[in-house]
Amino acid sequence: QVQVVESGGGLVQAGGSLRLSCAASGTNFSIEAMGWYREAPGKERELVATILRGGNTNYADAVKGRFTISRDNAKTTVYLEMISLKPEDTAVYYCNVVIRERPTISFRYWGRGTQVTVSG
């Protein structure tokens, strides 16, 4: 059973920083990608940042230059370092892991999310 668990959320003032962590476990298949998404109240879930198997990263325009995605050497834990936080960053942040378990099929796994609240 694949498990994806986020941690590190909390309440911070505007301009503050947080570091989110996401640990994936329960599989020895290749992790093709890991990423962070967020869902603000009344809004659709949106992509924040991703890191692919080869290390290529992508960021949403709204967080580019402020957020940094990275992973550990084992490539099973992904981090999201957030600085200069803004009230509009307030959302539940979800970790996503893509694992190739079939030759032509990848499976997407989600964590349950961690709340980030930024006060103005």
C-alpha atoms as a PDB file:
ATOM      1  CA  GLN A   1       0.000   0.000   0.000  1.00  0.00           C
ATOM      2  CA  VAL A   2       1.503   3.304  -1.120  1.00  0.00           C
ATOM      3  CA  GLN A   3       1.450   6.054   1.475  1.00  0.00           C
ATOM      4  CA  VAL A   4       1.951   9.763   0.857  1.00  0.00           C
ATOM      5  CA  VAL A   5       2.173  11.920   3.975  1.00  0.00           C
ATOM      6  CA  GLU A   6       2.635  15.698   4.131  1.00  0.00           C
ATOM      7  CA  SER A   7       3.821  17.752   7.080  1.00  0.00           C
ATOM      8  CA  GLY A   8       5.045  21.238   7.912  1.00  0.00           C
ATOM      9  CA  GLY A   9       1.963  23.387   7.445  1.00  0.00           C
ATOM     10  CA  GLY A  10       0.987  26.083   9.899  1.00  0.00           C
ATOM     11  CA  LEU A  11       0.048  29.695  10.523  1.00  0.00           C
ATOM     12  CA  VAL A  12       2.525  32.422   9.591  1.00  0.00           C
ATOM     13  CA  GLN A  13       2.496  36.157   9.048  1.00  0.00           C
ATOM     14  CA  ALA A  14       2.835  37.676   5.597  1.00  0.00           C
ATOM     15  CA  GLY A  15       6.482  37.663   4.612  1.00  0.00           C
ATOM     16  CA  GLY A  16       7.207  34.584   6.678  1.00  0.00           C
ATOM     17  CA  SER A  17       8.516  31.191   5.644  1.00  0.00           C
ATOM     18  CA  LEU A  18       7.515  27.550   5.874  1.00  0.00           C
ATOM     19  CA  ARG A  19       9.049  24.267   4.764  1.00  0.00           C
ATOM     20  CA  LEU A  20       6.701  21.471   3.750  1.00  0.00           C
ATOM     21  CA  SER A  21       7.742  17.830   3.562  1.00  0.00           C
ATOM     22  CA  CYS A  22       6.198  14.867   1.782  1.00  0.00           C
ATOM     23  CA  ALA A  23       7.297  11.279   2.299  1.00  0.00           C
ATOM     24  CA  ALA A  24       6.316   8.471  -0.060  1.00  0.00           C
ATOM     25  CA  SER A  25       6.549   4.868   1.085  1.00  0.00           C
ATOM     26  CA  GLY A  26       5.224   1.398   0.358  1.00  0.00           C
ATOM     27  CA  THR A  27       6.550   0.895  -3.159  1.00  0.00           C
ATOM     28  CA  ASN A  28       9.754  -0.178  -4.845  1.00  0.00           C
ATOM     29  CA  PHE A  29       8.556   0.946  -8.260  1.00  0.00           C
ATOM     30  CA  SER A  30      10.039   3.949  -9.960  1.00  0.00           C
ATOM     31  CA  ILE A  31       8.781   7.354  -8.858  1.00  0.00           C
ATOM     32  CA  GLU A  32       8.368   9.284 -12.086  1.00  0.00           C
ATOM     33  CA  ALA A  33       7.453  12.608 -10.538  1.00  0.00           C
ATOM     34  CA  MET A  34       6.570  14.325  -7.290  1.00  0.00           C
ATOM     35  CA  GLY A  35       4.807  17.600  -6.874  1.00  0.00           C
ATOM     36  CA  TRP A  36       2.819  20.018  -4.792  1.00  0.00           C
ATOM     37  CA  TYR A  37      -0.685  21.271  -5.465  1.00  0.00           C
ATOM     38  CA  ARG A  38      -2.842  23.616  -3.451  1.00  0.00           C
ATOM     39  CA  GLU A  39      -6.535  24.219  -3.001  1.00  0.00           C
ATOM     40  CA  ALA A  40      -7.777  27.517  -1.601  1.00  0.00           C
ATOM     41  CA  PRO A  41     -11.328  27.921  -0.239  1.00  0.00           C
ATOM     42  CA  GLY A  42     -13.794  28.117  -3.111  1.00  0.00           C
ATOM     43  CA  LYS A  43     -11.115  27.556  -5.739  1.00  0.00           C
ATOM     44  CA  GLU A  44      -9.964  24.653  -7.872  1.00  0.00           C
ATOM     45  CA  ARG A  45      -6.900  22.650  -6.992  1.00  0.00           C
ATOM     46  CA  GLU A  46      -3.905  24.073  -8.833  1.00  0.00           C
ATOM     47  CA  LEU A  47      -0.373  22.954  -9.506  1.00  0.00           C
ATOM     48  CA  VAL A  48       2.302  24.702  -7.454  1.00  0.00           C
ATOM     49  CA  ALA A  49       5.540  22.920  -8.342  1.00  0.00           C
ATOM     50  CA  THR A  50       6.763  19.600  -9.713  1.00  0.00           C
ATOM     51  CA  ILE A  51      10.037  17.735  -9.940  1.00  0.00           C
ATOM     52  CA  LEU A  52      10.484  14.978 -12.496  1.00  0.00           C
ATOM     53  CA  ARG A  53      12.596  11.814 -12.418  1.00  0.00           C
ATOM     54  CA  GLY A  54      15.489  13.538 -14.143  1.00  0.00           C
ATOM     55  CA  GLY A  55      15.386  16.500 -11.769  1.00  0.00           C
ATOM     56  CA  ASN A  56      13.618  18.989 -14.014  1.00  0.00           C
ATOM     57  CA  THR A  57      11.418  21.387 -12.037  1.00  0.00           C
ATOM     58  CA  ASN A  58       8.418  23.509 -12.924  1.00  0.00           C
ATOM     59  CA  TYR A  59       6.639  26.239 -10.985  1.00  0.00           C
ATOM     60  CA  ALA A  60       3.384  28.099 -11.193  1.00  0.00           C
ATOM     61  CA  ASP A  61       3.876  31.754 -12.091  1.00  0.00           C
ATOM     62  CA  ALA A  62       2.334  32.831  -8.790  1.00  0.00           C
ATOM     63  CA  VAL A  63       5.079  31.172  -6.743  1.00  0.00           C
ATOM     64  CA  LYS A  64       8.070  31.379  -9.051  1.00  0.00           C
ATOM     65  CA  GLY A  65      11.012  32.965  -7.286  1.00  0.00           C
ATOM     66  CA  ARG A  66       9.516  32.399  -3.833  1.00  0.00           C
ATOM     67  CA  PHE A  67       9.014  28.627  -3.614  1.00  0.00           C
ATOM     68  CA  THR A  68      11.620  25.934  -4.179  1.00  0.00           C
ATOM     69  CA  ILE A  69      10.908  22.239  -4.682  1.00  0.00           C
ATOM     70  CA  SER A  70      13.579  19.654  -3.919  1.00  0.00           C
ATOM     71  CA  ARG A  71      13.986  16.001  -2.947  1.00  0.00           C
ATOM     72  CA  ASP A  72      16.289  13.791  -0.936  1.00  0.00           C
ATOM     73  CA  ASN A  73      18.969  11.517  -2.365  1.00  0.00           C
ATOM     74  CA  ALA A  74      16.679   8.483  -2.243  1.00  0.00           C
ATOM     75  CA  LYS A  75      14.069  10.426  -4.238  1.00  0.00           C
ATOM     76  CA  THR A  76      11.312   9.359  -1.866  1.00  0.00           C
ATOM     77  CA  THR A  77      10.852  12.633  -0.001  1.00  0.00           C
ATOM     78  CA  VAL A  78      10.019  15.969  -1.569  1.00  0.00           C
ATOM     79  CA  TYR A  79      10.208  19.386   0.057  1.00  0.00           C
ATOM     80  CA  LEU A  80       8.641  22.731  -0.662  1.00  0.00           C
ATOM     81  CA  GLU A  81      10.522  25.692   0.766  1.00  0.00           C
ATOM     82  CA  MET A  82       8.288  28.737   0.832  1.00  0.00           C
ATOM     83  CA  ILE A  83       9.533  32.257   1.521  1.00  0.00           C
ATOM     84  CA  SER A  84       7.944  35.699   1.309  1.00  0.00           C
ATOM     85  CA  LEU A  85       4.547  34.144   1.903  1.00  0.00           C
ATOM     86  CA  LYS A  86       1.467  36.129   0.961  1.00  0.00           C
ATOM     87  CA  PRO A  87      -2.127  35.880   2.196  1.00  0.00           C
ATOM     88  CA  GLU A  88      -3.109  34.550  -1.228  1.00  0.00           C
ATOM     89  CA  ASP A  89      -0.847  31.548  -0.590  1.00  0.00           C
ATOM     90  CA  THR A  90      -3.333  30.375   2.038  1.00  0.00           C
ATOM     91  CA  ALA A  91      -4.567  26.930   1.015  1.00  0.00           C
ATOM     92  CA  VAL A  92      -4.431  23.241   1.734  1.00  0.00           C
ATOM     93  CA  TYR A  93      -1.252  21.949   0.140  1.00  0.00           C
ATOM     94  CA  TYR A  94      -1.320  18.438  -1.293  1.00  0.00           C
ATOM     95  CA  CYS A  95       1.583  16.221  -2.244  1.00  0.00           C
ATOM     96  CA  ASN A  96       1.293  14.163  -5.422  1.00  0.00           C
ATOM     97  CA  VAL A  97       3.429  11.182  -6.401  1.00  0.00           C
ATOM     98  CA  VAL A  98       3.415   9.519  -9.826  1.00  0.00           C
ATOM     99  CA  ILE A  99       4.612   5.910  -9.834  1.00  0.00           C
ATOM    100  CA  ARG A 100       5.039   3.672 -12.865  1.00  0.00           C
ATOM    101  CA  GLU A 101       3.690   0.256 -11.854  1.00  0.00           C
ATOM    102  CA  ARG A 102       2.974  -1.053 -15.371  1.00  0.00           C
ATOM    103  CA  PRO A 103       5.037  -0.767 -18.560  1.00  0.00           C
ATOM    104  CA  THR A 104       2.648   1.812 -20.006  1.00  0.00           C
ATOM    105  CA  ILE A 105       0.609   2.950 -17.001  1.00  0.00           C
ATOM    106  CA  SER A 106       1.494   5.354 -14.220  1.00  0.00           C
ATOM    107  CA  PHE A 107      -0.531   5.765 -11.036  1.00  0.00           C
ATOM    108  CA  ARG A 108      -1.077   9.037  -9.238  1.00  0.00           C
ATOM    109  CA  TYR A 109      -1.161   9.034  -5.437  1.00  0.00           C
ATOM    110  CA  TRP A 110      -2.250  11.895  -3.202  1.00  0.00           C
ATOM    111  CA  GLY A 111      -1.593  12.828   0.386  1.00  0.00           C
ATOM    112  CA  ARG A 112      -4.359  14.161   2.599  1.00  0.00           C
ATOM    113  CA  GLY A 113      -2.956  17.680   2.633  1.00  0.00           C
ATOM    114  CA  THR A 114      -1.485  20.138   5.102  1.00  0.00           C
ATOM    115  CA  GLN A 115      -2.982  23.544   5.880  1.00  0.00           C
ATOM    116  CA  VAL A 116      -0.968  26.690   5.217  1.00  0.00           C
ATOM    117  CA  THR A 117      -2.461  29.931   6.512  1.00  0.00           C
ATOM    118  CA  VAL A 118      -0.819  33.312   5.923  1.00  0.00           C
ATOM    119  CA  SER A 119      -2.184  36.271   7.866  1.00  0.00           C
ATOM    120  CA  GLY A 120      -2.151  39.736   6.349  1.00  0.00           C
END
